Every structure is written in structure tokens, then in C-alpha cells.
C-alpha atoms as a PDB file:
ATOM      1  CA  UNK A   1       0.000   0.000   0.000  1.00  0.00           C
ATOM      2  CA  UNK A   2       1.272   3.470  -0.918  1.00  0.00           C
ATOM      3  CA  UNK A   3       0.221   6.225   1.497  1.00  0.00           C
ATOM      4  CA  UNK A   4      -0.085   9.684  -0.081  1.00  0.00           C
ATOM      5  CA  UNK A   5      -0.545  12.739   2.132  1.00  0.00           C
ATOM      6  CA  UNK A   6      -2.101  15.617   0.208  1.00  0.00           C
ATOM      7  CA  UNK A   7      -2.868  19.251   0.881  1.00  0.00           C
ATOM      8  CA  UNK A   8      -5.818  20.973  -0.737  1.00  0.00           C
ATOM      9  CA  UNK A   9      -4.881  24.062  -2.810  1.00  0.00           C
ATOM     10  CA  UNK A  10      -6.616  27.262  -1.771  1.00  0.00           C
ATOM     11  CA  UNK A  11      -8.896  27.524  -4.799  1.00  0.00           C
ATOM     12  CA  UNK A  12     -10.231  23.969  -4.570  1.00  0.00           C
ATOM     13  CA  UNK A  13     -12.604  24.355  -1.640  1.00  0.00           C
ATOM     14  CA  UNK A  14     -16.170  23.296  -2.450  1.00  0.00           C
ATOM     15  CA  UNK A  15     -15.283  20.608  -5.004  1.00  0.00           C
ATOM     16  CA  UNK A  16     -16.126  16.921  -4.806  1.00  0.00           C
ATOM     17  CA  UNK A  17     -13.478  14.542  -3.536  1.00  0.00           C
ATOM     18  CA  UNK A  18     -13.718  12.300  -6.612  1.00  0.00           C
ATOM     19  CA  UNK A  19     -13.050  15.317  -8.856  1.00  0.00           C
ATOM     20  CA  UNK A  20     -10.152  16.587  -6.751  1.00  0.00           C
ATOM     21  CA  UNK A  21      -8.135  13.390  -6.512  1.00  0.00           C
ATOM     22  CA  UNK A  22      -7.496  12.827 -10.260  1.00  0.00           C
ATOM     23  CA  UNK A  23      -5.885  16.281 -10.386  1.00  0.00           C
ATOM     24  CA  UNK A  24      -4.010  16.087  -7.078  1.00  0.00           C
ATOM     25  CA  UNK A  25      -2.657  12.588  -7.679  1.00  0.00           C
ATOM     26  CA  UNK A  26      -2.773  12.223 -11.467  1.00  0.00           C
ATOM     27  CA  UNK A  27      -2.344   9.050 -13.552  1.00  0.00           C
ATOM     28  CA  UNK A  28      -5.719   7.570 -12.526  1.00  0.00           C
ATOM     29  CA  UNK A  29      -9.289   8.160 -13.665  1.00  0.00           C
ATOM     30  CA  UNK A  30     -12.156   9.640 -11.697  1.00  0.00           C
ATOM     31  CA  UNK A  31     -13.838   6.214 -11.702  1.00  0.00           C
ATOM     32  CA  UNK A  32     -10.724   4.679 -10.131  1.00  0.00           C
ATOM     33  CA  UNK A  33     -10.880   7.177  -7.269  1.00  0.00           C
ATOM     34  CA  UNK A  34     -14.636   6.761  -6.850  1.00  0.00           C
ATOM     35  CA  UNK A  35     -14.100   3.051  -6.238  1.00  0.00           C
ATOM     36  CA  UNK A  36     -11.125   3.755  -3.974  1.00  0.00           C
ATOM     37  CA  UNK A  37     -13.227   6.116  -1.846  1.00  0.00           C
ATOM     38  CA  UNK A  38     -16.081   3.584  -1.595  1.00  0.00           C
ATOM     39  CA  UNK A  39     -13.546   0.981  -0.439  1.00  0.00           C
ATOM     40  CA  UNK A  40     -12.559   3.206   2.482  1.00  0.00           C
ATOM     41  CA  UNK A  41      -9.047   3.961   1.238  1.00  0.00           C
ATOM     42  CA  UNK A  42      -9.329   7.766   1.527  1.00  0.00           C
ATOM     43  CA  UNK A  43      -9.217   9.829   4.721  1.00  0.00           C
ATOM     44  CA  UNK A  44     -10.070  13.491   5.169  1.00  0.00           C
ATOM     45  CA  UNK A  45      -9.116  15.265   8.404  1.00  0.00           C
ATOM     46  CA  UNK A  46      -8.416  11.898  10.025  1.00  0.00           C
ATOM     47  CA  UNK A  47     -11.766  10.303   9.112  1.00  0.00           C
ATOM     48  CA  UNK A  48     -12.392   7.628   6.509  1.00  0.00           C
ATOM     49  CA  UNK A  49     -14.633   9.001   3.748  1.00  0.00           C
ATOM     50  CA  UNK A  50     -16.755   6.609   1.682  1.00  0.00           C
ATOM     51  CA  UNK A  51     -18.845   9.099  -0.305  1.00  0.00           C
ATOM     52  CA  UNK A  52     -17.250  10.312  -3.571  1.00  0.00           C
ATOM     53  CA  UNK A  53     -19.380  13.482  -3.376  1.00  0.00           C
ATOM     54  CA  UNK A  54     -17.809  14.576  -0.075  1.00  0.00           C
ATOM     55  CA  UNK A  55     -16.350  18.107  -0.224  1.00  0.00           C
ATOM     56  CA  UNK A  56     -13.188  18.643   1.858  1.00  0.00           C
ATOM     57  CA  UNK A  57     -12.517  21.957   3.556  1.00  0.00           C
ATOM     58  CA  UNK A  58      -9.533  24.096   2.605  1.00  0.00           C
ATOM     59  CA  UNK A  59      -7.441  23.102   5.630  1.00  0.00           C
ATOM     60  CA  UNK A  60      -8.446  19.428   5.682  1.00  0.00           C
ATOM     61  CA  UNK A  61      -5.494  17.076   5.183  1.00  0.00           C
ATOM     62  CA  UNK A  62      -6.221  14.260   2.743  1.00  0.00           C
ATOM     63  CA  UNK A  63      -4.664  10.801   2.877  1.00  0.00           C
ATOM     64  CA  UNK A  64      -4.974   8.402  -0.058  1.00  0.00           C
ATOM     65  CA  UNK A  65      -3.977   4.759   0.344  1.00  0.00           C
ATOM     66  CA  UNK A  66      -3.130   3.553  -3.149  1.00  0.00           C
ATOM     67  CA  UNK A  67      -2.717  -0.137  -3.900  1.00  0.00           C
ATOM     68  CA  UNK A  68       0.784  -0.963  -5.032  1.00  0.00           C
ATOM     69  CA  UNK A  69       0.722  -1.420  -8.755  1.00  0.00           C
ATOM     70  CA  UNK A  70       3.526  -3.001 -10.721  1.00  0.00           C
ATOM     71  CA  UNK A  71       4.619  -0.911 -13.639  1.00  0.00           C
ATOM     72  CA  UNK A  72       3.715  -2.755 -16.814  1.00  0.00           C
ATOM     73  CA  UNK A  73       6.576  -4.170 -18.828  1.00  0.00           C
ATOM     74  CA  UNK A  74       7.208  -1.944 -21.820  1.00  0.00           C
ATOM     75  CA  UNK A  75       7.838  -4.135 -24.818  1.00  0.00           C
ATOM     76  CA  UNK A  76       9.812  -3.236 -27.945  1.00  0.00           C
ATOM     77  CA  UNK A  77       7.616  -3.023 -31.030  1.00  0.00           C
ATOM     78  CA  UNK A  78       8.694  -3.019 -34.656  1.00  0.00           C
ATOM     79  CA  UNK A  79       7.056   0.280 -35.558  1.00  0.00           C
ATOM     80  CA  UNK A  80       8.602   2.326 -38.402  1.00  0.00           C
ATOM     81  CA  UNK A  81      10.377   5.523 -37.330  1.00  0.00           C
ATOM     82  CA  UNK A  82      11.034   8.620 -39.403  1.00  0.00           C
ATOM     83  CA  UNK A  83      14.566   9.394 -38.213  1.00  0.00           C
ATOM     84  CA  UNK A  84      15.968  12.815 -39.127  1.00  0.00           C
ATOM     85  CA  UNK A  85      19.345  12.219 -37.432  1.00  0.00           C
ATOM     86  CA  UNK A  86      21.078   9.571 -35.325  1.00  0.00           C
ATOM     87  CA  UNK A  87      24.443   8.988 -33.668  1.00  0.00           C
ATOM     88  CA  UNK A  88      25.737   7.182 -30.548  1.00  0.00           C
ATOM     89  CA  UNK A  89      24.333   9.816 -28.175  1.00  0.00           C
ATOM     90  CA  UNK A  90      20.943  10.779 -29.535  1.00  0.00           C
ATOM     91  CA  UNK A  91      18.506  10.758 -32.382  1.00  0.00           C
ATOM     92  CA  UNK A  92      15.951  13.202 -33.755  1.00  0.00           C
ATOM     93  CA  UNK A  93      12.681  11.688 -34.889  1.00  0.00           C
ATOM     94  CA  UNK A  94       9.727  13.078 -36.797  1.00  0.00           C
ATOM     95  CA  UNK A  95       6.791  11.871 -34.669  1.00  0.00           C
ATOM     96  CA  UNK A  96       3.610  11.262 -36.654  1.00  0.00           C
ATOM     97  CA  UNK A  97       0.275  12.779 -35.707  1.00  0.00           C
ATOM     98  CA  UNK A  98      -1.760  10.422 -33.532  1.00  0.00           C
ATOM     99  CA  UNK A  99       1.188   8.668 -31.863  1.00  0.00           C
ATOM    100  CA  UNK A 100       1.554   8.916 -28.080  1.00  0.00           C
ATOM    101  CA  UNK A 101       5.133   9.624 -26.956  1.00  0.00           C
ATOM    102  CA  UNK A 102       5.345   7.248 -23.986  1.00  0.00           C
ATOM    103  CA  UNK A 103       3.146   4.551 -22.424  1.00  0.00           C
ATOM    104  CA  UNK A 104       0.471   5.619 -19.945  1.00  0.00           C
ATOM    105  CA  UNK A 105      -2.878   4.339 -18.753  1.00  0.00           C
ATOM    106  CA  UNK A 106      -4.908   3.576 -21.845  1.00  0.00           C
ATOM    107  CA  UNK A 107      -1.834   3.712 -24.108  1.00  0.00           C
ATOM    108  CA  UNK A 108       0.362   0.777 -23.113  1.00  0.00           C
ATOM    109  CA  UNK A 109       1.512  -0.049 -26.643  1.00  0.00           C
ATOM    110  CA  UNK A 110       2.006   1.536 -30.027  1.00  0.00           C
ATOM    111  CA  UNK A 111       3.862   4.511 -28.537  1.00  0.00           C
ATOM    112  CA  UNK A 112       7.056   6.189 -29.656  1.00  0.00           C
ATOM    113  CA  UNK A 113       8.866   4.577 -26.711  1.00  0.00           C
ATOM    114  CA  UNK A 114       7.811   1.091 -27.851  1.00  0.00           C
ATOM    115  CA  UNK A 115       9.250   1.860 -31.290  1.00  0.00           C
ATOM    116  CA  UNK A 116      12.438   3.349 -29.841  1.00  0.00           C
ATOM    117  CA  UNK A 117      13.073   0.321 -27.642  1.00  0.00           C
ATOM    118  CA  UNK A 118      12.988  -1.907 -30.715  1.00  0.00           C
ATOM    119  CA  UNK A 119      15.158   0.415 -32.798  1.00  0.00           C
ATOM    120  CA  UNK A 120      17.747   1.267 -30.119  1.00  0.00           C
ATOM    121  CA  UNK A 121      17.936  -2.222 -28.596  1.00  0.00           C
ATOM    122  CA  UNK A 122      17.785  -0.888 -25.031  1.00  0.00           C
ATOM    123  CA  UNK A 123      20.328   1.897 -25.520  1.00  0.00           C
ATOM    124  CA  UNK A 124      18.240   4.749 -24.122  1.00  0.00           C
ATOM    125  CA  UNK A 125      18.729   7.143 -21.215  1.00  0.00           C
ATOM    126  CA  UNK A 126      17.145   6.012 -17.951  1.00  0.00           C
ATOM    127  CA  UNK A 127      16.702   9.297 -16.097  1.00  0.00           C
ATOM    128  CA  UNK A 128      12.937   9.465 -16.657  1.00  0.00           C
ATOM    129  CA  UNK A 129      12.358   5.884 -15.506  1.00  0.00           C
ATOM    130  CA  UNK A 130      11.271   2.690 -17.200  1.00  0.00           C
ATOM    131  CA  UNK A 131       8.106   4.232 -18.656  1.00  0.00           C
ATOM    132  CA  UNK A 132       9.919   7.037 -20.467  1.00  0.00           C
ATOM    133  CA  UNK A 133      13.370   5.791 -21.535  1.00  0.00           C
ATOM    134  CA  UNK A 134      15.165   8.279 -23.765  1.00  0.00           C
ATOM    135  CA  UNK A 135      12.413  10.896 -23.482  1.00  0.00           C
ATOM    136  CA  UNK A 136      13.771  14.328 -22.576  1.00  0.00           C
ATOM    137  CA  UNK A 137      10.826  16.377 -23.879  1.00  0.00           C
ATOM    138  CA  UNK A 138       7.408  15.620 -25.331  1.00  0.00           C
ATOM    139  CA  UNK A 139       4.825  16.822 -27.809  1.00  0.00           C
ATOM    140  CA  UNK A 140       1.103  16.069 -27.732  1.00  0.00           C
ATOM    141  CA  UNK A 141      -0.407  12.980 -29.335  1.00  0.00           C
ATOM    142  CA  UNK A 142      -2.013  14.987 -32.142  1.00  0.00           C
ATOM    143  CA  UNK A 143       1.008  17.260 -32.664  1.00  0.00           C
ATOM    144  CA  UNK A 144       3.485  15.962 -35.209  1.00  0.00           C
ATOM    145  CA  UNK A 145       7.122  16.796 -35.709  1.00  0.00           C
ATOM    146  CA  UNK A 146      10.676  16.836 -34.429  1.00  0.00           C
ATOM    147  CA  UNK A 147      11.612  15.332 -31.089  1.00  0.00           C
ATOM    148  CA  UNK A 148      15.024  14.709 -29.502  1.00  0.00           C
ATOM    149  CA  UNK A 149      15.589  11.252 -28.000  1.00  0.00           C
ATOM    150  CA  UNK A 150      18.632  10.583 -25.789  1.00  0.00           C
ATOM    151  CA  UNK A 151      20.533   7.298 -25.810  1.00  0.00           C
ATOM    152  CA  UNK A 152      22.456   7.851 -22.571  1.00  0.00           C
ATOM    153  CA  UNK A 153      22.246   9.899 -19.375  1.00  0.00           C
ATOM    154  CA  UNK A 154      25.117  12.169 -20.427  1.00  0.00           C
ATOM    155  CA  UNK A 155      23.227  13.452 -23.458  1.00  0.00           C
ATOM    156  CA  UNK A 156      19.937  13.503 -21.536  1.00  0.00           C
ATOM    157  CA  UNK A 157      21.321  15.824 -18.846  1.00  0.00           C
ATOM    158  CA  UNK A 158      22.879  18.129 -21.444  1.00  0.00           C
ATOM    159  CA  UNK A 159      19.740  18.436 -23.575  1.00  0.00           C
ATOM    160  CA  UNK A 160      17.528  18.837 -20.500  1.00  0.00           C
ATOM    161  CA  UNK A 161      19.685  21.764 -19.359  1.00  0.00           C
ATOM    162  CA  UNK A 162      19.374  23.451 -22.784  1.00  0.00           C
ATOM    163  CA  UNK A 163      15.602  23.092 -22.615  1.00  0.00           C
ATOM    164  CA  UNK A 164      15.609  24.456 -19.066  1.00  0.00           C
ATOM    165  CA  UNK A 165      17.564  27.611 -19.922  1.00  0.00           C
ATOM    166  CA  UNK A 166      15.707  27.998 -23.254  1.00  0.00           C
ATOM    167  CA  UNK A 167      18.830  27.820 -25.428  1.00  0.00           C
ATOM    168  CA  UNK A 168      17.319  25.146 -27.690  1.00  0.00           C
ATOM    169  CA  UNK A 169      15.468  26.361 -30.771  1.00  0.00           C
ATOM    170  CA  UNK A 170      11.879  25.169 -31.259  1.00  0.00           C
ATOM    171  CA  UNK A 171       9.744  26.383 -34.147  1.00  0.00           C
ATOM    172  CA  UNK A 172       6.177  25.180 -34.715  1.00  0.00           C
ATOM    173  CA  UNK A 173       3.967  25.666 -37.757  1.00  0.00           C
ATOM    174  CA  UNK A 174       0.263  26.061 -37.041  1.00  0.00           C
ATOM    175  CA  UNK A 175      -3.056  27.028 -38.605  1.00  0.00           C
ATOM    176  CA  UNK A 176      -5.270  29.191 -36.433  1.00  0.00           C
ATOM    177  CA  UNK A 177      -8.758  30.623 -36.797  1.00  0.00           C
ATOM    178  CA  UNK A 178      -9.193  34.178 -38.052  1.00  0.00           C
ATOM    179  CA  UNK A 179      -6.694  36.895 -38.926  1.00  0.00           C
ATOM    180  CA  UNK A 180      -4.156  38.197 -36.439  1.00  0.00           C
ATOM    181  CA  UNK A 181      -4.001  41.955 -35.816  1.00  0.00           C
ATOM    182  CA  UNK A 182      -0.243  42.085 -36.445  1.00  0.00           C
ATOM    183  CA  UNK A 183       2.145  40.188 -38.708  1.00  0.00           C
ATOM    184  CA  UNK A 184       4.444  39.528 -35.746  1.00  0.00           C
ATOM    185  CA  UNK A 185       3.722  39.410 -32.055  1.00  0.00           C
ATOM    186  CA  UNK A 186       4.566  38.019 -28.641  1.00  0.00           C
ATOM    187  CA  UNK A 187       2.135  36.374 -26.247  1.00  0.00           C
ATOM    188  CA  UNK A 188       3.113  36.443 -22.592  1.00  0.00           C
ATOM    189  CA  UNK A 189       0.958  34.869 -19.920  1.00  0.00           C
ATOM    190  CA  UNK A 190       1.380  32.431 -17.045  1.00  0.00           C
ATOM    191  CA  UNK A 191       0.037  28.973 -17.861  1.00  0.00           C
ATOM    192  CA  UNK A 192      -1.595  26.850 -15.176  1.00  0.00           C
ATOM    193  CA  UNK A 193      -4.577  24.604 -14.573  1.00  0.00           C
ATOM    194  CA  UNK A 194      -7.882  25.999 -15.792  1.00  0.00           C
ATOM    195  CA  UNK A 195      -9.908  26.862 -12.656  1.00  0.00           C
ATOM    196  CA  UNK A 196     -13.102  25.760 -14.447  1.00  0.00           C
ATOM    197  CA  UNK A 197     -11.745  22.501 -15.873  1.00  0.00           C
ATOM    198  CA  UNK A 198      -8.731  20.947 -14.176  1.00  0.00           C
ATOM    199  CA  UNK A 199      -8.000  18.694 -17.145  1.00  0.00           C
ATOM    200  CA  UNK A 200      -7.197  21.766 -19.246  1.00  0.00           C
ATOM    201  CA  UNK A 201      -4.566  24.476 -19.065  1.00  0.00           C
ATOM    202  CA  UNK A 202      -5.257  28.203 -19.334  1.00  0.00           C
ATOM    203  CA  UNK A 203      -3.634  31.610 -18.986  1.00  0.00           C
ATOM    204  CA  UNK A 204      -3.920  32.474 -15.294  1.00  0.00           C
ATOM    205  CA  UNK A 205      -3.085  35.658 -13.380  1.00  0.00           C
ATOM    206  CA  UNK A 206       0.201  35.660 -11.432  1.00  0.00           C
ATOM    207  CA  UNK A 207      -0.236  34.861  -7.755  1.00  0.00           C
ATOM    208  CA  UNK A 208       2.133  34.676  -4.748  1.00  0.00           C
ATOM    209  CA  UNK A 209       0.592  31.269  -3.957  1.00  0.00           C
ATOM    210  CA  UNK A 210       1.230  29.938  -7.432  1.00  0.00           C
ATOM    211  CA  UNK A 211      -0.297  31.427 -10.542  1.00  0.00           C
ATOM    212  CA  UNK A 212       0.942  28.984 -13.137  1.00  0.00           C
ATOM    213  CA  UNK A 213       4.321  29.121 -14.869  1.00  0.00           C
ATOM    214  CA  UNK A 214       5.779  32.000 -16.873  1.00  0.00           C
ATOM    215  CA  UNK A 215       5.305  31.371 -20.603  1.00  0.00           C
ATOM    216  CA  UNK A 216       6.284  33.297 -23.744  1.00  0.00           C
ATOM    217  CA  UNK A 217       5.331  32.491 -27.352  1.00  0.00           C
ATOM    218  CA  UNK A 218       6.491  34.512 -30.375  1.00  0.00           C
ATOM    219  CA  UNK A 219       4.448  34.234 -33.556  1.00  0.00           C
ATOM    220  CA  UNK A 220       4.806  35.369 -37.163  1.00  0.00           C
ATOM    221  CA  UNK A 221       2.189  35.248 -39.904  1.00  0.00           C
ATOM    222  CA  UNK A 222       3.208  33.113 -42.906  1.00  0.00           C
ATOM    223  CA  UNK A 223       0.051  33.395 -45.025  1.00  0.00           C
ATOM    224  CA  UNK A 224      -3.560  34.445 -44.621  1.00  0.00           C
ATOM    225  CA  UNK A 225      -6.561  32.547 -45.940  1.00  0.00           C
ATOM    226  CA  UNK A 226     -10.251  33.414 -46.015  1.00  0.00           C
ATOM    227  CA  UNK A 227     -11.021  32.144 -42.519  1.00  0.00           C
ATOM    228  CA  UNK A 228      -7.619  31.051 -41.215  1.00  0.00           C
ATOM    229  CA  UNK A 229      -3.986  32.093 -40.828  1.00  0.00           C
ATOM    230  CA  UNK A 230      -0.842  30.025 -41.155  1.00  0.00           C
ATOM    231  CA  UNK A 231       1.709  31.004 -38.508  1.00  0.00           C
ATOM    232  CA  UNK A 232       5.148  30.101 -37.242  1.00  0.00           C
ATOM    233  CA  UNK A 233       5.420  30.007 -33.441  1.00  0.00           C
ATOM    234  CA  UNK A 234       8.734  30.149 -31.601  1.00  0.00           C
ATOM    235  CA  UNK A 235       8.746  28.868 -28.059  1.00  0.00           C
ATOM    236  CA  UNK A 236      10.745  30.903 -25.571  1.00  0.00           C
ATOM    237  CA  UNK A 237       9.466  28.630 -22.812  1.00  0.00           C
ATOM    238  CA  UNK A 238       8.008  25.136 -23.024  1.00  0.00           C
ATOM    239  CA  UNK A 239       4.845  24.749 -20.954  1.00  0.00           C
ATOM    240  CA  UNK A 240       2.121  22.143 -21.324  1.00  0.00           C
ATOM    241  CA  UNK A 241      -0.093  22.965 -24.352  1.00  0.00           C
ATOM    242  CA  UNK A 242       1.629  26.378 -24.529  1.00  0.00           C
ATOM    243  CA  UNK A 243       0.929  27.300 -28.162  1.00  0.00           C
ATOM    244  CA  UNK A 244      -2.631  25.979 -28.032  1.00  0.00           C
ATOM    245  CA  UNK A 245      -3.401  27.896 -24.830  1.00  0.00           C
ATOM    246  CA  UNK A 246      -1.664  31.132 -25.850  1.00  0.00           C
ATOM    247  CA  UNK A 247      -3.288  31.302 -29.284  1.00  0.00           C
ATOM    248  CA  UNK A 248      -6.689  30.649 -27.713  1.00  0.00           C
ATOM    249  CA  UNK A 249      -6.060  33.384 -25.148  1.00  0.00           C
ATOM    250  CA  UNK A 250      -5.811  36.013 -27.919  1.00  0.00           C
ATOM    251  CA  UNK A 251      -8.925  34.750 -29.692  1.00  0.00           C
ATOM    252  CA  UNK A 252      -7.241  32.626 -32.377  1.00  0.00           C
ATOM    253  CA  UNK A 253      -7.415  28.940 -31.358  1.00  0.00           C
ATOM    254  CA  UNK A 254      -5.789  26.341 -33.576  1.00  0.00           C
ATOM    255  CA  UNK A 255      -7.849  24.746 -36.309  1.00  0.00           C
ATOM    256  CA  UNK A 256      -8.972  21.277 -35.214  1.00  0.00           C
ATOM    257  CA  UNK A 257      -8.287  21.829 -31.512  1.00  0.00           C
ATOM    258  CA  UNK A 258     -11.303  20.243 -29.827  1.00  0.00           C
ATOM    259  CA  UNK A 259     -10.014  20.983 -26.313  1.00  0.00           C
ATOM    260  CA  UNK A 260      -9.270  24.706 -26.532  1.00  0.00           C
ATOM    261  CA  UNK A 261     -11.265  25.717 -29.597  1.00  0.00           C
ATOM    262  CA  UNK A 262     -15.027  26.260 -29.570  1.00  0.00           C
ATOM    263  CA  UNK A 263     -15.632  26.358 -33.321  1.00  0.00           C
ATOM    264  CA  UNK A 264     -16.258  23.238 -35.396  1.00  0.00           C
ATOM    265  CA  UNK A 265     -13.702  22.579 -38.102  1.00  0.00           C
ATOM    266  CA  UNK A 266     -15.025  22.624 -41.685  1.00  0.00           C
ATOM    267  CA  UNK A 267     -12.422  19.965 -42.495  1.00  0.00           C
ATOM    268  CA  UNK A 268     -12.183  16.368 -41.287  1.00  0.00           C
ATOM    269  CA  UNK A 269      -9.311  16.516 -38.810  1.00  0.00           C
ATOM    270  CA  UNK A 270      -7.991  14.561 -35.874  1.00  0.00           C
ATOM    271  CA  UNK A 271      -6.820  17.137 -33.361  1.00  0.00           C
ATOM    272  CA  UNK A 272      -5.055  20.464 -33.711  1.00  0.00           C
ATOM    273  CA  UNK A 273      -3.113  21.624 -36.792  1.00  0.00           C
ATOM    274  CA  UNK A 274       0.260  21.936 -35.101  1.00  0.00           C
ATOM    275  CA  UNK A 275       3.627  20.674 -36.306  1.00  0.00           C
ATOM    276  CA  UNK A 276       6.976  20.857 -34.494  1.00  0.00           C
ATOM    277  CA  UNK A 277       8.851  21.818 -37.630  1.00  0.00           C
ATOM    278  CA  UNK A 278      12.326  22.825 -36.409  1.00  0.00           C
ATOM    279  CA  UNK A 279      14.463  21.688 -33.486  1.00  0.00           C
ATOM    280  CA  UNK A 280      17.905  23.175 -32.861  1.00  0.00           C
ATOM    281  CA  UNK A 281      20.384  22.375 -30.084  1.00  0.00           C
ATOM    282  CA  UNK A 282      24.052  22.145 -29.203  1.00  0.00           C
ATOM    283  CA  UNK A 283      25.297  18.575 -29.481  1.00  0.00           C
ATOM    284  CA  UNK A 284      26.301  17.346 -25.994  1.00  0.00           C
ATOM    285  CA  UNK A 285      29.441  15.575 -27.226  1.00  0.00           C
ATOM    286  CA  UNK A 286      30.803  17.784 -30.007  1.00  0.00           C
ATOM    287  CA  UNK A 287      29.557  21.234 -28.984  1.00  0.00           C
ATOM    288  CA  UNK A 288      28.265  21.772 -32.538  1.00  0.00           C
ATOM    289  CA  UNK A 289      24.926  23.546 -32.979  1.00  0.00           C
ATOM    290  CA  UNK A 290      22.615  21.295 -34.980  1.00  0.00           C
ATOM    291  CA  UNK A 291      19.278  22.195 -36.582  1.00  0.00           C
ATOM    292  CA  UNK A 292      16.735  19.814 -38.080  1.00  0.00           C
ATOM    293  CA  UNK A 293      13.522  20.388 -40.015  1.00  0.00           C
ATOM    294  CA  UNK A 294      10.660  17.898 -40.019  1.00  0.00           C
ATOM    295  CA  UNK A 295       8.691  18.059 -43.291  1.00  0.00           C
ATOM    296  CA  UNK A 296       5.025  18.968 -43.018  1.00  0.00           C
ATOM    297  CA  UNK A 297       2.703  15.958 -42.743  1.00  0.00           C
ATOM    298  CA  UNK A 298       0.507  15.234 -45.738  1.00  0.00           C
ATOM    299  CA  UNK A 299      -2.732  16.366 -44.092  1.00  0.00           C
ATOM    300  CA  UNK A 300      -1.185  19.760 -43.261  1.00  0.00           C
ATOM    301  CA  UNK A 301       0.168  20.336 -46.789  1.00  0.00           C
ATOM    302  CA  UNK A 302      -3.184  19.304 -48.249  1.00  0.00           C
ATOM    303  CA  UNK A 303      -5.016  21.847 -46.082  1.00  0.00           C
ATOM    304  CA  UNK A 304      -2.731  24.632 -47.304  1.00  0.00           C
ATOM    305  CA  UNK A 305      -3.596  23.677 -50.893  1.00  0.00           C
ATOM    306  CA  UNK A 306      -7.371  23.536 -50.513  1.00  0.00           C
ATOM    307  CA  UNK A 307      -8.120  26.369 -48.069  1.00  0.00           C
ATOM    308  CA  UNK A 308      -9.679  29.319 -49.931  1.00  0.00           C
ATOM    309  CA  UNK A 309      -7.882  32.657 -49.769  1.00  0.00           C
END
């Protein structure tokens, strides 16, 4: 049994216990926690709570007794990889749209990690644990494009530091709704959990008690269409769903984004039109700055051809 002691954030008072726990703990569904509560495995302020609808007070300590779960064995899978570069320390892959980066609940196979384990024969960095070997940064399932994968801990630490200090170059190509007021611009706004929907991120006001994380996105218009605009976005920081959240915050959500966009796409799409086109970094071993471009996926190129201007 794993005993987790949790503290309720200030702005969570008045919410159901079964809605709070998936956010506070993560990795498990609301249904999982509903059953856990009914089994008497959750305590609030020293008392066992068996009603999922119970609402803890702001100062009530919460204890969750999780059953010990063995991490599933991640198996190598012979899945084709689009490799842009590879050497003994790292590789750069062009991840296809629809592929999950690493295994998680509901996605135990068919991920980029499964493919990498087959291709690299176990030669992947281990810093992020057995579930995420080689993974130093991620992109969303429905975002395609360039991703650095590290084969050893030396390269992993070096690339992670470049991402931390924002010295790596990351350019994304996107299609957003409407026309932007300026050809170039910068969006600055802290990104944190959406207070209305904890499964989403949003731009939140700075707060001494934690108002999200500082985030900066630079954008430049590439071409305008009748109802949409093609843009290049340069990440100065790398927060969860940063481009999607920032573009939505200025009234121009990404085409196809069913999470942050409210308008229905006139085209048949699977998720947001977002492609991690360019990745640039200093090689950990040689000190050489390297820059790679992932070609646009077919669906993206097709959209650019058929969208009316």
C-alpha cells in the first residue's frame, strides 16, 4: 500500500473529492478514485470518507492509500520511425500525428517509446524511468514533428539543461482561426490549470501562492486565408499545451483543436493543426549547434492547398 498525504490548494474548496483526486494525484481516472473512496481507502481530516461526493474543507489534510501497482513491462515493437538524425548519443525523430510519446494508462503499446526500444535495442537514457526511456521532452499525441531522443544519461542531462535555460530552438507551424491583428507578435501569460476545468490548461493571473508558470510564445504570420492564418510560433518557454493555450487566449485557437477551440472545423481533422517543424540544439558531445527540419505531414500540406484565400 502506498500512502499519499495531500494538501488541498486554496482555490479547490467546495469541489467533490472524486473530482479533486485525479488532479491532485494524477495518472488515474475519476472512476478509479470513486471506487477507492467507496472501499474506504481515503481519509479526510483523520476520518475515513466513503462518499465520492464529499467536499473537503480548505485546511483538511487528505490521505490516499493507493494499492501498489507493478509498472507494466514496456515491450519493444517493430514500428517504423522517421529518423531525421542519429548517432551514438541521440537521435531526432519526426513523430507522426496520432502517436503517443510514452506509455500511460490507456496507451500501453504503439507509442514512440515502444518503437524506440525496438530500434535502439535498449540503448536509451534512464533518467525518466522505465516508462519514459530516452524521453527528454514531449509533444502532444495529435502534434506531429521533431523530437530529440537521448541514448544515454550524459546526453539527456545536457539536452535537458538546454531546454531548461531555453537555449534550444523550437519552431512550430500552425493554422489558427481568423486573422491576427499584427504580422508579428509576442504572447506572454502564465500557464496553469484551468480553474473551471482541471483537465485543461489556461492563462492564469500571477499569484504569490502559485499562478501557473511564466510562458512566452512569439508568432509570425506566414500566409492568410479566407477564414484562417498560417503562422510560425517560436517557443521561448516550453509549458504544457503552450501554443494551443496562448493562441486561444488572444482569440485565435488552432484549427482542429477540440479541447481549446469552440468552433467546429469545416475539415475532417484529428486534433489540432500543429507541427513541431524545427528543433535546434548544441550537441552534448561535439559542442556543434545542430538544426533539423521535419517536413510537413501530408494532411497539413493538403489543407494549405485547398483552403480558400
